[in-house]
Amino acid sequence: FTLKNYRIGWFRQAPGKEREGVSCIGSDGSSTRLADSVKGRFTISR
Protein backbone atom coordinates (compact mmCIF):
# COMPACT_ATOMS: atom_id res chain seq x y z
CA PHE A 1 0.00 0.00 0.00
CA THR A 2 1.00 3.64 -0.37
CA LEU A 3 1.99 4.84 3.04
CA LYS A 4 1.63 8.56 2.30
CA ASN A 5 -2.17 8.32 2.20
CA TYR A 6 -2.47 7.37 5.84
CA ARG A 7 -1.63 8.43 9.36
CA ILE A 8 1.32 6.48 10.73
CA GLY A 9 2.24 6.09 14.36
CA TRP A 10 5.20 4.88 16.37
CA PHE A 11 4.47 3.05 19.59
CA ARG A 12 6.60 1.30 22.16
CA GLN A 13 6.16 -1.32 24.82
CA ALA A 14 8.63 -1.83 27.63
CA PRO A 15 8.76 -5.07 29.65
CA GLY A 16 5.89 -5.21 32.11
CA LYS A 17 4.31 -2.02 30.80
CA GLU A 18 1.46 -1.17 28.49
CA ARG A 19 2.06 -0.08 24.94
CA GLU A 20 2.22 3.69 24.58
CA GLY A 21 2.11 6.11 21.69
CA VAL A 22 5.42 7.83 20.97
CA SER A 23 4.83 9.86 17.83
CA CYS A 24 2.61 10.01 14.78
CA ILE A 25 2.40 11.83 11.50
CA GLY A 26 -0.54 12.85 9.36
CA SER A 27 -1.12 11.82 5.78
CA ASP A 28 -0.07 15.27 4.61
CA GLY A 29 3.24 14.92 6.41
CA SER A 30 2.96 18.32 8.04
CA SER A 31 1.00 17.44 11.14
CA THR A 32 2.97 15.55 13.77
CA ARG A 33 2.47 14.66 17.39
CA LEU A 34 4.90 13.62 20.08
CA ALA A 35 4.36 12.14 23.51
CA ASP A 36 5.44 14.47 26.31
CA SER A 37 8.14 12.02 27.36
CA VAL A 38 9.99 12.36 24.05
CA LYS A 39 9.39 15.99 23.10
CA GLY A 40 12.62 17.76 22.23
CA ARG A 41 14.40 14.43 21.69
CA PHE A 42 12.47 12.50 19.03
CA THR A 43 11.43 13.58 15.53
CA ILE A 44 9.10 11.83 13.12
CA SER A 45 9.31 12.29 9.37
CA ARG A 46 8.30 10.54 6.17
PDB file of all heavy atoms in Angstrom:
ATOM      1  N   PHE A   1       0.861  -1.190   0.000  1.00  0.00           N
ATOM      2  CA  PHE A   1       0.000   0.000   0.000  1.00  0.00           C
ATOM      3  C   PHE A   1       0.894   1.235   0.000  1.00  0.00           C
ATOM      4  O   PHE A   1       2.091   1.157   0.278  1.00  0.00           O
ATOM      5  CB  PHE A   1      -0.940   0.009   1.199  1.00  0.00           C
ATOM      6  CG  PHE A   1      -0.280   0.283   2.526  1.00  0.00           C
ATOM      7  CD1 PHE A   1      -0.419   1.502   3.153  1.00  0.00           C
ATOM      8  CD2 PHE A   1       0.495  -0.690   3.148  1.00  0.00           C
ATOM      9  CE1 PHE A   1       0.181   1.754   4.376  1.00  0.00           C
ATOM     10  CE2 PHE A   1       1.106  -0.456   4.369  1.00  0.00           C
ATOM     11  CZ  PHE A   1       0.947   0.775   4.979  1.00  0.00           C
ATOM     12  N   THR A   2       0.273   2.372  -0.322  1.00  0.00           N
ATOM     13  CA  THR A   2       1.005   3.636  -0.374  1.00  0.00           C
ATOM     14  C   THR A   2       0.879   4.329   0.968  1.00  0.00           C
ATOM     15  O   THR A   2      -0.185   4.834   1.321  1.00  0.00           O
ATOM     16  CB  THR A   2       0.465   4.544  -1.492  1.00  0.00           C
ATOM     17  OG1 THR A   2       0.570   3.842  -2.739  1.00  0.00           O
ATOM     18  CG2 THR A   2       1.280   5.827  -1.576  1.00  0.00           C
ATOM     19  N   LEU A   3       1.975   4.372   1.662  1.00  0.00           N
ATOM     20  CA  LEU A   3       1.986   4.836   3.045  1.00  0.00           C
ATOM     21  C   LEU A   3       1.574   6.306   3.173  1.00  0.00           C
ATOM     22  O   LEU A   3       0.973   6.705   4.166  1.00  0.00           O
ATOM     23  CB  LEU A   3       3.398   4.616   3.596  1.00  0.00           C
ATOM     24  CG  LEU A   3       3.681   4.796   5.059  1.00  0.00           C
ATOM     25  CD1 LEU A   3       4.773   3.826   5.489  1.00  0.00           C
ATOM     26  CD2 LEU A   3       4.108   6.208   5.337  1.00  0.00           C
ATOM     27  N   LYS A   4       1.843   7.115   2.181  1.00  0.00           N
ATOM     28  CA  LYS A   4       1.628   8.558   2.300  1.00  0.00           C
ATOM     29  C   LYS A   4       0.155   8.922   2.435  1.00  0.00           C
ATOM     30  O   LYS A   4      -0.161  10.038   2.832  1.00  0.00           O
ATOM     31  CB  LYS A   4       2.209   9.281   1.090  1.00  0.00           C
ATOM     32  CG  LYS A   4       1.469   9.029  -0.213  1.00  0.00           C
ATOM     33  CD  LYS A   4       2.066   9.863  -1.338  1.00  0.00           C
ATOM     34  CE  LYS A   4       1.317   9.656  -2.642  1.00  0.00           C
ATOM     35  NZ  LYS A   4       1.892  10.505  -3.727  1.00  0.00           N
ATOM     36  N   ASN A   5      -0.745   8.020   2.136  1.00  0.00           N
ATOM     37  CA  ASN A   5      -2.167   8.321   2.196  1.00  0.00           C
ATOM     38  C   ASN A   5      -2.760   8.160   3.587  1.00  0.00           C
ATOM     39  O   ASN A   5      -3.952   8.425   3.784  1.00  0.00           O
ATOM     40  CB  ASN A   5      -2.932   7.416   1.236  1.00  0.00           C
ATOM     41  CG  ASN A   5      -2.567   7.666  -0.213  1.00  0.00           C
ATOM     42  OD1 ASN A   5      -2.228   8.790  -0.584  1.00  0.00           O
ATOM     43  ND2 ASN A   5      -2.610   6.626  -1.026  1.00  0.00           N
ATOM     44  N   TYR A   6      -1.935   7.743   4.535  1.00  0.00           N
ATOM     45  CA  TYR A   6      -2.465   7.366   5.842  1.00  0.00           C
ATOM     46  C   TYR A   6      -1.670   7.984   6.989  1.00  0.00           C
ATOM     47  O   TYR A   6      -0.507   8.344   6.842  1.00  0.00           O
ATOM     48  CB  TYR A   6      -2.435   5.847   5.994  1.00  0.00           C
ATOM     49  CG  TYR A   6      -3.166   5.118   4.908  1.00  0.00           C
ATOM     50  CD1 TYR A   6      -2.475   4.624   3.806  1.00  0.00           C
ATOM     51  CD2 TYR A   6      -4.539   4.925   4.972  1.00  0.00           C
ATOM     52  CE1 TYR A   6      -3.141   3.949   2.797  1.00  0.00           C
ATOM     53  CE2 TYR A   6      -5.213   4.245   3.968  1.00  0.00           C
ATOM     54  CZ  TYR A   6      -4.511   3.767   2.883  1.00  0.00           C
ATOM     55  OH  TYR A   6      -5.176   3.114   1.887  1.00  0.00           O
ATOM     56  N   ARG A   7      -2.333   8.071   8.128  1.00  0.00           N
ATOM     57  CA  ARG A   7      -1.630   8.434   9.356  1.00  0.00           C
ATOM     58  C   ARG A   7      -0.817   7.230   9.829  1.00  0.00           C
ATOM     59  O   ARG A   7      -1.311   6.100   9.814  1.00  0.00           O
ATOM     60  CB  ARG A   7      -2.611   8.870  10.447  1.00  0.00           C
ATOM     61  CG  ARG A   7      -3.284  10.194  10.178  1.00  0.00           C
ATOM     62  CD  ARG A   7      -3.825  10.806  11.448  1.00  0.00           C
ATOM     63  NE  ARG A   7      -4.964  10.073  12.010  1.00  0.00           N
ATOM     64  CZ  ARG A   7      -5.616  10.434  13.100  1.00  0.00           C
ATOM     65  NH1 ARG A   7      -5.235  11.541  13.759  1.00  0.00           N
ATOM     66  NH2 ARG A   7      -6.630   9.734  13.551  1.00  0.00           N
ATOM     67  N   ILE A   8       0.399   7.520  10.263  1.00  0.00           N
ATOM     68  CA  ILE A   8       1.316   6.482  10.729  1.00  0.00           C
ATOM     69  C   ILE A   8       1.760   6.835  12.144  1.00  0.00           C
ATOM     70  O   ILE A   8       2.069   7.993  12.433  1.00  0.00           O
ATOM     71  CB  ILE A   8       2.559   6.378   9.829  1.00  0.00           C
ATOM     72  CG1 ILE A   8       2.152   6.135   8.373  1.00  0.00           C
ATOM     73  CG2 ILE A   8       3.498   5.292  10.337  1.00  0.00           C
ATOM     74  CD1 ILE A   8       1.462   4.821   8.131  1.00  0.00           C
ATOM     75  N   GLY A   9       1.805   5.848  12.996  1.00  0.00           N
ATOM     76  CA  GLY A   9       2.238   6.086  14.364  1.00  0.00           C
ATOM     77  C   GLY A   9       3.387   5.172  14.764  1.00  0.00           C
ATOM     78  O   GLY A   9       3.541   4.070  14.240  1.00  0.00           O
ATOM     79  N   TRP A  10       4.184   5.686  15.702  1.00  0.00           N
ATOM     80  CA  TRP A  10       5.204   4.876  16.365  1.00  0.00           C
ATOM     81  C   TRP A  10       4.757   4.662  17.811  1.00  0.00           C
ATOM     82  O   TRP A  10       4.363   5.609  18.493  1.00  0.00           O
ATOM     83  CB  TRP A  10       6.560   5.577  16.354  1.00  0.00           C
ATOM     84  CG  TRP A  10       7.308   5.476  15.075  1.00  0.00           C
ATOM     85  CD1 TRP A  10       7.396   6.407  14.084  1.00  0.00           C
ATOM     86  CD2 TRP A  10       8.107   4.366  14.635  1.00  0.00           C
ATOM     87  NE1 TRP A  10       8.192   5.953  13.060  1.00  0.00           N
ATOM     88  CE2 TRP A  10       8.647   4.692  13.373  1.00  0.00           C
ATOM     89  CE3 TRP A  10       8.428   3.119  15.184  1.00  0.00           C
ATOM     90  CZ2 TRP A  10       9.478   3.839  12.651  1.00  0.00           C
ATOM     91  CZ3 TRP A  10       9.252   2.278  14.462  1.00  0.00           C
ATOM     92  CH2 TRP A  10       9.768   2.631  13.221  1.00  0.00           C
ATOM     93  N   PHE A  11       4.848   3.426  18.241  1.00  0.00           N
ATOM     94  CA  PHE A  11       4.468   3.048  19.590  1.00  0.00           C
ATOM     95  C   PHE A  11       5.608   2.251  20.207  1.00  0.00           C
ATOM     96  O   PHE A  11       6.487   1.754  19.486  1.00  0.00           O
ATOM     97  CB  PHE A  11       3.184   2.207  19.564  1.00  0.00           C
ATOM     98  CG  PHE A  11       1.997   2.943  19.001  1.00  0.00           C
ATOM     99  CD1 PHE A  11       1.851   3.091  17.627  1.00  0.00           C
ATOM    100  CD2 PHE A  11       1.045   3.493  19.831  1.00  0.00           C
ATOM    101  CE1 PHE A  11       0.776   3.785  17.097  1.00  0.00           C
ATOM    102  CE2 PHE A  11      -0.043   4.186  19.316  1.00  0.00           C
ATOM    103  CZ  PHE A  11      -0.173   4.325  17.942  1.00  0.00           C
ATOM    104  N   ARG A  12       5.577   2.113  21.504  1.00  0.00           N
ATOM    105  CA  ARG A  12       6.598   1.296  22.162  1.00  0.00           C
ATOM    106  C   ARG A  12       5.984   0.565  23.353  1.00  0.00           C
ATOM    107  O   ARG A  12       5.003   1.021  23.932  1.00  0.00           O
ATOM    108  CB  ARG A  12       7.787   2.144  22.593  1.00  0.00           C
ATOM    109  CG  ARG A  12       7.489   3.149  23.712  1.00  0.00           C
ATOM    110  CD  ARG A  12       8.712   4.027  23.962  1.00  0.00           C
ATOM    111  NE  ARG A  12       8.481   4.987  25.034  1.00  0.00           N
ATOM    112  CZ  ARG A  12       9.336   5.944  25.369  1.00  0.00           C
ATOM    113  NH1 ARG A  12      10.495   6.084  24.713  1.00  0.00           N
ATOM    114  NH2 ARG A  12       9.057   6.773  26.360  1.00  0.00           N
ATOM    115  N   GLN A  13       6.599  -0.550  23.667  1.00  0.00           N
ATOM    116  CA  GLN A  13       6.165  -1.324  24.821  1.00  0.00           C
ATOM    117  C   GLN A  13       7.396  -1.833  25.551  1.00  0.00           C
ATOM    118  O   GLN A  13       8.184  -2.608  24.993  1.00  0.00           O
ATOM    119  CB  GLN A  13       5.257  -2.479  24.414  1.00  0.00           C
ATOM    120  CG  GLN A  13       4.654  -3.199  25.599  1.00  0.00           C
ATOM    121  CD  GLN A  13       3.507  -4.105  25.208  1.00  0.00           C
ATOM    122  OE1 GLN A  13       3.343  -4.479  24.055  1.00  0.00           O
ATOM    123  NE2 GLN A  13       2.671  -4.451  26.179  1.00  0.00           N
ATOM    124  N   ALA A  14       7.536  -1.387  26.776  1.00  0.00           N
ATOM    125  CA  ALA A  14       8.632  -1.830  27.632  1.00  0.00           C
ATOM    126  C   ALA A  14       8.180  -3.064  28.417  1.00  0.00           C
ATOM    127  O   ALA A  14       6.977  -3.270  28.621  1.00  0.00           O
ATOM    128  CB  ALA A  14       9.037  -0.713  28.584  1.00  0.00           C
ATOM    129  N   PRO A  15       9.122  -3.881  28.878  1.00  0.00           N
ATOM    130  CA  PRO A  15       8.757  -5.074  29.647  1.00  0.00           C
ATOM    131  C   PRO A  15       7.891  -4.724  30.849  1.00  0.00           C
ATOM    132  O   PRO A  15       8.220  -3.823  31.622  1.00  0.00           O
ATOM    133  CB  PRO A  15      10.121  -5.621  30.092  1.00  0.00           C
ATOM    134  CG  PRO A  15      11.072  -5.131  29.058  1.00  0.00           C
ATOM    135  CD  PRO A  15      10.564  -3.776  28.664  1.00  0.00           C
ATOM    136  N   GLY A  16       6.775  -5.420  30.970  1.00  0.00           N
ATOM    137  CA  GLY A  16       5.895  -5.211  32.107  1.00  0.00           C
ATOM    138  C   GLY A  16       5.044  -3.964  32.042  1.00  0.00           C
ATOM    139  O   GLY A  16       4.340  -3.642  33.004  1.00  0.00           O
ATOM    140  N   LYS A  17       5.086  -3.257  30.929  1.00  0.00           N
ATOM    141  CA  LYS A  17       4.311  -2.022  30.799  1.00  0.00           C
ATOM    142  C   LYS A  17       3.368  -2.106  29.608  1.00  0.00           C
ATOM    143  O   LYS A  17       3.549  -2.925  28.713  1.00  0.00           O
ATOM    144  CB  LYS A  17       5.246  -0.820  30.636  1.00  0.00           C
ATOM    145  CG  LYS A  17       6.112  -0.535  31.852  1.00  0.00           C
ATOM    146  CD  LYS A  17       6.865   0.764  31.696  1.00  0.00           C
ATOM    147  CE  LYS A  17       7.654   1.099  32.954  1.00  0.00           C
ATOM    148  NZ  LYS A  17       8.379   2.401  32.816  1.00  0.00           N
ATOM    149  N   GLU A  18       2.385  -1.228  29.611  1.00  0.00           N
ATOM    150  CA  GLU A  18       1.457  -1.166  28.492  1.00  0.00           C
ATOM    151  C   GLU A  18       2.094  -0.451  27.311  1.00  0.00           C
ATOM    152  O   GLU A  18       3.004   0.356  27.464  1.00  0.00           O
ATOM    153  CB  GLU A  18       0.178  -0.434  28.918  1.00  0.00           C
ATOM    154  CG  GLU A  18      -0.653  -1.173  29.953  1.00  0.00           C
ATOM    155  CD  GLU A  18      -1.988  -0.510  30.210  1.00  0.00           C
ATOM    156  OE1 GLU A  18      -2.231   0.571  29.651  1.00  0.00           O
ATOM    157  OE2 GLU A  18      -2.778  -1.065  30.984  1.00  0.00           O
ATOM    158  N   ARG A  19       1.585  -0.759  26.142  1.00  0.00           N
ATOM    159  CA  ARG A  19       2.062  -0.081  24.945  1.00  0.00           C
ATOM    160  C   ARG A  19       1.641   1.382  24.981  1.00  0.00           C
ATOM    161  O   ARG A  19       0.516   1.692  25.375  1.00  0.00           O
ATOM    162  CB  ARG A  19       1.504  -0.770  23.706  1.00  0.00           C
ATOM    163  CG  ARG A  19       2.027  -0.232  22.390  1.00  0.00           C
ATOM    164  CD  ARG A  19       1.732  -1.195  21.266  1.00  0.00           C
ATOM    165  NE  ARG A  19       0.328  -1.563  21.223  1.00  0.00           N
ATOM    166  CZ  ARG A  19      -0.162  -2.546  20.468  1.00  0.00           C
ATOM    167  NH1 ARG A  19       0.655  -3.252  19.723  1.00  0.00           N
ATOM    168  NH2 ARG A  19      -1.444  -2.817  20.485  1.00  0.00           N
ATOM    169  N   GLU A  20       2.524   2.261  24.567  1.00  0.00           N
ATOM    170  CA  GLU A  20       2.224   3.688  24.584  1.00  0.00           C
ATOM    171  C   GLU A  20       2.573   4.326  23.245  1.00  0.00           C
ATOM    172  O   GLU A  20       3.488   3.893  22.556  1.00  0.00           O
ATOM    173  CB  GLU A  20       3.000   4.397  25.700  1.00  0.00           C
ATOM    174  CG  GLU A  20       4.508   4.345  25.548  1.00  0.00           C
ATOM    175  CD  GLU A  20       5.246   5.187  26.574  1.00  0.00           C
ATOM    176  OE1 GLU A  20       4.613   6.052  27.212  1.00  0.00           O
ATOM    177  OE2 GLU A  20       6.466   4.989  26.719  1.00  0.00           O
ATOM    178  N   GLY A  21       1.825   5.358  22.900  1.00  0.00           N
ATOM    179  CA  GLY A  21       2.112   6.109  21.690  1.00  0.00           C
ATOM    180  C   GLY A  21       3.311   7.007  21.881  1.00  0.00           C
ATOM    181  O   GLY A  21       3.429   7.673  22.910  1.00  0.00           O
ATOM    182  N   VAL A  22       4.204   7.026  20.915  1.00  0.00           N
ATOM    183  CA  VAL A  22       5.420   7.832  20.970  1.00  0.00           C
ATOM    184  C   VAL A  22       5.308   9.040  20.047  1.00  0.00           C
ATOM    185  O   VAL A  22       5.550  10.169  20.456  1.00  0.00           O
ATOM    186  CB  VAL A  22       6.643   6.991  20.575  1.00  0.00           C
ATOM    187  CG1 VAL A  22       7.905   7.853  20.544  1.00  0.00           C
ATOM    188  CG2 VAL A  22       6.817   5.817  21.527  1.00  0.00           C
ATOM    189  N   SER A  23       4.919   8.772  18.801  1.00  0.00           N
ATOM    190  CA  SER A  23       4.827   9.862  17.834  1.00  0.00           C
ATOM    191  C   SER A  23       3.970   9.410  16.667  1.00  0.00           C
ATOM    192  O   SER A  23       3.835   8.211  16.413  1.00  0.00           O
ATOM    193  CB  SER A  23       6.229  10.255  17.333  1.00  0.00           C
ATOM    194  OG  SER A  23       6.172  11.376  16.484  1.00  0.00           O
ATOM    195  N   CYS A  24       3.384  10.358  15.967  1.00  0.00           N
ATOM    196  CA  CYS A  24       2.610  10.013  14.783  1.00  0.00           C
ATOM    197  C   CYS A  24       2.642  11.177  13.803  1.00  0.00           C
ATOM    198  O   CYS A  24       2.948  12.312  14.167  1.00  0.00           O
ATOM    199  CB  CYS A  24       1.190   9.601  15.126  1.00  0.00           C
ATOM    200  SG  CYS A  24       0.267  10.789  16.110  1.00  0.00           S
ATOM    201  N   ILE A  25       2.318  10.839  12.559  1.00  0.00           N
ATOM    202  CA  ILE A  25       2.398  11.834  11.499  1.00  0.00           C
ATOM    203  C   ILE A  25       1.184  11.714  10.609  1.00  0.00           C
ATOM    204  O   ILE A  25       0.730  10.598  10.305  1.00  0.00           O
ATOM    205  CB  ILE A  25       3.715  11.670  10.705  1.00  0.00           C
ATOM    206  CG1 ILE A  25       3.903  12.797   9.693  1.00  0.00           C
ATOM    207  CG2 ILE A  25       3.791  10.293  10.034  1.00  0.00           C
ATOM    208  CD1 ILE A  25       5.328  12.856   9.131  1.00  0.00           C
ATOM    209  N   GLY A  26       0.645  12.853  10.200  1.00  0.00           N
ATOM    210  CA  GLY A  26      -0.537  12.850   9.365  1.00  0.00           C
ATOM    211  C   GLY A  26      -0.237  12.478   7.928  1.00  0.00           C
ATOM    212  O   GLY A  26       0.915  12.439   7.506  1.00  0.00           O
ATOM    213  N   SER A  27      -1.283  12.225   7.173  1.00  0.00           N
ATOM    214  CA  SER A  27      -1.125  11.816   5.784  1.00  0.00           C
ATOM    215  C   SER A  27      -0.492  12.921   4.942  1.00  0.00           C
ATOM    216  O   SER A  27       0.169  12.645   3.941  1.00  0.00           O
ATOM    217  CB  SER A  27      -2.465  11.403   5.187  1.00  0.00           C
ATOM    218  OG  SER A  27      -3.392  12.464   5.286  1.00  0.00           O
ATOM    219  N   ASP A  28      -0.665  14.171   5.372  1.00  0.00           N
ATOM    220  CA  ASP A  28      -0.073  15.267   4.611  1.00  0.00           C
ATOM    221  C   ASP A  28       1.389  15.481   4.959  1.00  0.00           C
ATOM    222  O   ASP A  28       2.083  16.252   4.301  1.00  0.00           O
ATOM    223  CB  ASP A  28      -0.856  16.561   4.845  1.00  0.00           C
ATOM    224  CG  ASP A  28      -0.861  16.985   6.300  1.00  0.00           C
ATOM    225  OD1 ASP A  28      -0.227  16.298   7.136  1.00  0.00           O
ATOM    226  OD2 ASP A  28      -1.489  18.010   6.610  1.00  0.00           O
ATOM    227  N   GLY A  29       1.849  14.828   6.005  1.00  0.00           N
ATOM    228  CA  GLY A  29       3.243  14.923   6.414  1.00  0.00           C
ATOM    229  C   GLY A  29       3.573  16.143   7.231  1.00  0.00           C
ATOM    230  O   GLY A  29       4.662  16.223   7.812  1.00  0.00           O
ATOM    231  N   SER A  30       2.654  17.086   7.323  1.00  0.00           N
ATOM    232  CA  SER A  30       2.959  18.325   8.040  1.00  0.00           C
ATOM    233  C   SER A  30       2.488  18.301   9.480  1.00  0.00           C
ATOM    234  O   SER A  30       3.001  19.043  10.324  1.00  0.00           O
ATOM    235  CB  SER A  30       2.323  19.514   7.317  1.00  0.00           C
ATOM    236  OG  SER A  30       0.913  19.395   7.307  1.00  0.00           O
ATOM    237  N   SER A  31       1.510  17.495   9.774  1.00  0.00           N
ATOM    238  CA  SER A  31       1.001  17.438  11.145  1.00  0.00           C
ATOM    239  C   SER A  31       1.649  16.272  11.870  1.00  0.00           C
ATOM    240  O   SER A  31       1.583  15.137  11.408  1.00  0.00           O
ATOM    241  CB  SER A  31      -0.515  17.280  11.139  1.00  0.00           C
ATOM    242  OG  SER A  31      -0.893  16.132  10.428  1.00  0.00           O
ATOM    243  N   THR A  32       2.303  16.584  12.972  1.00  0.00           N
ATOM    244  CA  THR A  32       2.965  15.551  13.767  1.00  0.00           C
ATOM    245  C   THR A  32       2.602  15.710  15.230  1.00  0.00           C
ATOM    246  O   THR A  32       2.231  16.800  15.676  1.00  0.00           O
ATOM    247  CB  THR A  32       4.499  15.619  13.618  1.00  0.00           C
ATOM    248  OG1 THR A  32       4.958  16.879  14.102  1.00  0.00           O
ATOM    249  CG2 THR A  32       4.925  15.439  12.172  1.00  0.00           C
ATOM    250  N   ARG A  33       2.708  14.628  15.959  1.00  0.00           N
ATOM    251  CA  ARG A  33       2.467  14.657  17.393  1.00  0.00           C
ATOM    252  C   ARG A  33       3.564  13.871  18.090  1.00  0.00           C
ATOM    253  O   ARG A  33       4.088  12.892  17.528  1.00  0.00           O
ATOM    254  CB  ARG A  33       1.103  14.059  17.724  1.00  0.00           C
ATOM    255  CG  ARG A  33      -0.061  14.831  17.125  1.00  0.00           C
ATOM    256  CD  ARG A  33      -1.347  14.531  17.852  1.00  0.00           C
ATOM    257  NE  ARG A  33      -1.317  14.960  19.248  1.00  0.00           N
ATOM    258  CZ  ARG A  33      -2.358  14.883  20.059  1.00  0.00           C
ATOM    259  NH1 ARG A  33      -3.499  14.391  19.628  1.00  0.00           N
ATOM    260  NH2 ARG A  33      -2.255  15.286  21.315  1.00  0.00           N
ATOM    261  N   LEU A  34       3.891  14.281  19.273  1.00  0.00           N
ATOM    262  CA  LEU A  34       4.900  13.622  20.081  1.00  0.00           C
ATOM    263  C   LEU A  34       4.376  13.455  21.494  1.00  0.00           C
ATOM    264  O   LEU A  34       3.724  14.354  22.042  1.00  0.00           O
ATOM    265  CB  LEU A  34       6.192  14.440  20.137  1.00  0.00           C
ATOM    266  CG  LEU A  34       7.043  14.506  18.880  1.00  0.00           C
ATOM    267  CD1 LEU A  34       8.083  15.605  19.004  1.00  0.00           C
ATOM    268  CD2 LEU A  34       7.727  13.172  18.627  1.00  0.00           C
ATOM    269  N   ALA A  35       4.668  12.313  22.094  1.00  0.00           N
ATOM    270  CA  ALA A  35       4.359  12.138  23.513  1.00  0.00           C
ATOM    271  C   ALA A  35       5.220  13.095  24.333  1.00  0.00           C
ATOM    272  O   ALA A  35       6.352  13.421  23.934  1.00  0.00           O
ATOM    273  CB  ALA A  35       4.632  10.694  23.916  1.00  0.00           C
ATOM    274  N   ASP A  36       4.698  13.531  25.473  1.00  0.00           N
ATOM    275  CA  ASP A  36       5.444  14.472  26.308  1.00  0.00           C
ATOM    276  C   ASP A  36       6.812  13.929  26.699  1.00  0.00           C
ATOM    277  O   ASP A  36       7.781  14.689  26.805  1.00  0.00           O
ATOM    278  CB  ASP A  36       4.642  14.807  27.564  1.00  0.00           C
ATOM    279  CG  ASP A  36       3.428  15.670  27.261  1.00  0.00           C
ATOM    280  OD1 ASP A  36       3.391  16.291  26.176  1.00  0.00           O
ATOM    281  OD2 ASP A  36       2.512  15.717  28.097  1.00  0.00           O
ATOM    282  N   SER A  37       6.905  12.630  26.896  1.00  0.00           N
ATOM    283  CA  SER A  37       8.144  12.015  27.359  1.00  0.00           C
ATOM    284  C   SER A  37       9.272  12.080  26.338  1.00  0.00           C
ATOM    285  O   SER A  37      10.440  11.868  26.691  1.00  0.00           O
ATOM    286  CB  SER A  37       7.895  10.562  27.748  1.00  0.00           C
ATOM    287  OG  SER A  37       7.384   9.839  26.639  1.00  0.00           O
ATOM    288  N   VAL A  38       8.945  12.346  25.084  1.00  0.00           N
ATOM    289  CA  VAL A  38       9.986  12.360  24.046  1.00  0.00           C
ATOM    290  C   VAL A  38      10.115  13.704  23.342  1.00  0.00           C
ATOM    291  O   VAL A  38      10.950  13.853  22.443  1.00  0.00           O
ATOM    292  CB  VAL A  38       9.749  11.252  22.994  1.00  0.00           C
ATOM    293  CG1 VAL A  38       9.660   9.890  23.668  1.00  0.00           C
ATOM    294  CG2 VAL A  38       8.486  11.537  22.178  1.00  0.00           C
ATOM    295  N   LYS A  39       9.322  14.675  23.738  1.00  0.00           N
ATOM    296  CA  LYS A  39       9.391  15.991  23.101  1.00  0.00           C
ATOM    297  C   LYS A  39      10.779  16.594  23.281  1.00  0.00           C
ATOM    298  O   LYS A  39      11.367  16.519  24.361  1.00  0.00           O
ATOM    299  CB  LYS A  39       8.330  16.920  23.688  1.00  0.00           C
ATOM    300  CG  LYS A  39       6.943  16.661  23.155  1.00  0.00           C
ATOM    301  CD  LYS A  39       5.921  17.615  23.746  1.00  0.00           C
ATOM    302  CE  LYS A  39       4.542  17.331  23.184  1.00  0.00           C
ATOM    303  NZ  LYS A  39       3.499  18.184  23.787  1.00  0.00           N
ATOM    304  N   GLY A  40      11.286  17.175  22.205  1.00  0.00           N
ATOM    305  CA  GLY A  40      12.617  17.759  22.234  1.00  0.00           C
ATOM    306  C   GLY A  40      13.725  16.758  21.974  1.00  0.00           C
ATOM    307  O   GLY A  40      14.882  17.154  21.799  1.00  0.00           O
ATOM    308  N   ARG A  41      13.390  15.471  21.914  1.00  0.00           N
ATOM    309  CA  ARG A  41      14.399  14.426  21.690  1.00  0.00           C
ATOM    310  C   ARG A  41      14.120  13.599  20.444  1.00  0.00           C
ATOM    311  O   ARG A  41      15.046  13.171  19.759  1.00  0.00           O
ATOM    312  CB  ARG A  41      14.475  13.499  22.902  1.00  0.00           C
ATOM    313  CG  ARG A  41      14.823  14.210  24.199  1.00  0.00           C
ATOM    314  CD  ARG A  41      15.085  13.215  25.324  1.00  0.00           C
ATOM    315  NE  ARG A  41      13.919  12.390  25.641  1.00  0.00           N
ATOM    316  CZ  ARG A  41      13.926  11.057  25.600  1.00  0.00           C
ATOM    317  NH1 ARG A  41      15.025  10.406  25.248  1.00  0.00           N
ATOM    318  NH2 ARG A  41      12.835  10.392  25.932  1.00  0.00           N
ATOM    319  N   PHE A  42      12.847  13.341  20.157  1.00  0.00           N
ATOM    320  CA  PHE A  42      12.469  12.499  19.025  1.00  0.00           C
ATOM    321  C   PHE A  42      11.847  13.357  17.932  1.00  0.00           C
ATOM    322  O   PHE A  42      11.176  14.353  18.201  1.00  0.00           O
ATOM    323  CB  PHE A  42      11.456  11.446  19.446  1.00  0.00           C
ATOM    324  CG  PHE A  42      11.979  10.350  20.340  1.00  0.00           C
ATOM    325  CD1 PHE A  42      13.231  10.443  20.952  1.00  0.00           C
ATOM    326  CD2 PHE A  42      11.227   9.206  20.561  1.00  0.00           C
ATOM    327  CE1 PHE A  42      13.708   9.437  21.769  1.00  0.00           C
ATOM    328  CE2 PHE A  42      11.683   8.188  21.377  1.00  0.00           C
ATOM    329  CZ  PHE A  42      12.921   8.310  21.994  1.00  0.00           C
ATOM    330  N   THR A  43      12.033  12.908  16.688  1.00  0.00           N
ATOM    331  CA  THR A  43      11.430  13.579  15.534  1.00  0.00           C
ATOM    332  C   THR A  43      10.895  12.523  14.588  1.00  0.00           C
ATOM    333  O   THR A  43      11.580  11.542  14.291  1.00  0.00           O
ATOM    334  CB  THR A  43      12.457  14.441  14.791  1.00  0.00           C
ATOM    335  OG1 THR A  43      13.052  15.387  15.690  1.00  0.00           O
ATOM    336  CG2 THR A  43      11.801  15.187  13.631  1.00  0.00           C
ATOM    337  N   ILE A  44       9.687  12.741  14.101  1.00  0.00           N
ATOM    338  CA  ILE A  44       9.102  11.832  13.118  1.00  0.00           C
ATOM    339  C   ILE A  44       9.089  12.513  11.757  1.00  0.00           C
ATOM    340  O   ILE A  44       8.888  13.739  11.659  1.00  0.00           O
ATOM    341  CB  ILE A  44       7.680  11.392  13.536  1.00  0.00           C
ATOM    342  CG1 ILE A  44       7.185  10.259  12.650  1.00  0.00           C
ATOM    343  CG2 ILE A  44       6.720  12.588  13.534  1.00  0.00           C
ATOM    344  CD1 ILE A  44       5.875   9.625  13.158  1.00  0.00           C
ATOM    345  N   SER A  45       9.325  11.736  10.716  1.00  0.00           N
ATOM    346  CA  SER A  45       9.311  12.293   9.366  1.00  0.00           C
ATOM    347  C   SER A  45       8.932  11.179   8.391  1.00  0.00           C
ATOM    348  O   SER A  45       8.913  10.003   8.759  1.00  0.00           O
ATOM    349  CB  SER A  45      10.666  12.883   9.003  1.00  0.00           C
ATOM    350  OG  SER A  45      11.675  11.879   9.001  1.00  0.00           O
ATOM    351  N   ARG A  46       8.646  11.569   7.166  1.00  0.00           N
ATOM    352  CA  ARG A  46       8.302  10.544   6.170  1.00  0.00           C
ATOM    353  C   ARG A  46       8.975  10.867   4.851  1.00  0.00           C
ATOM    354  O   ARG A  46       9.182  12.035   4.518  1.00  0.00           O
ATOM    355  CB  ARG A  46       6.790  10.423   6.008  1.00  0.00           C
ATOM    356  CG  ARG A  46       6.087  11.641   5.456  1.00  0.00           C
ATOM    357  CD  ARG A  46       4.580  11.585   5.705  1.00  0.00           C
ATOM    358  NE  ARG A  46       3.985  10.331   5.286  1.00  0.00           N
ATOM    359  CZ  ARG A  46       2.811   9.877   5.719  1.00  0.00           C
ATOM    360  NH1 ARG A  46       2.117  10.585   6.596  1.00  0.00           N
ATOM    361  NH2 ARG A  46       2.326   8.737   5.293  1.00  0.00           N
TER     362      ARG A  46
END
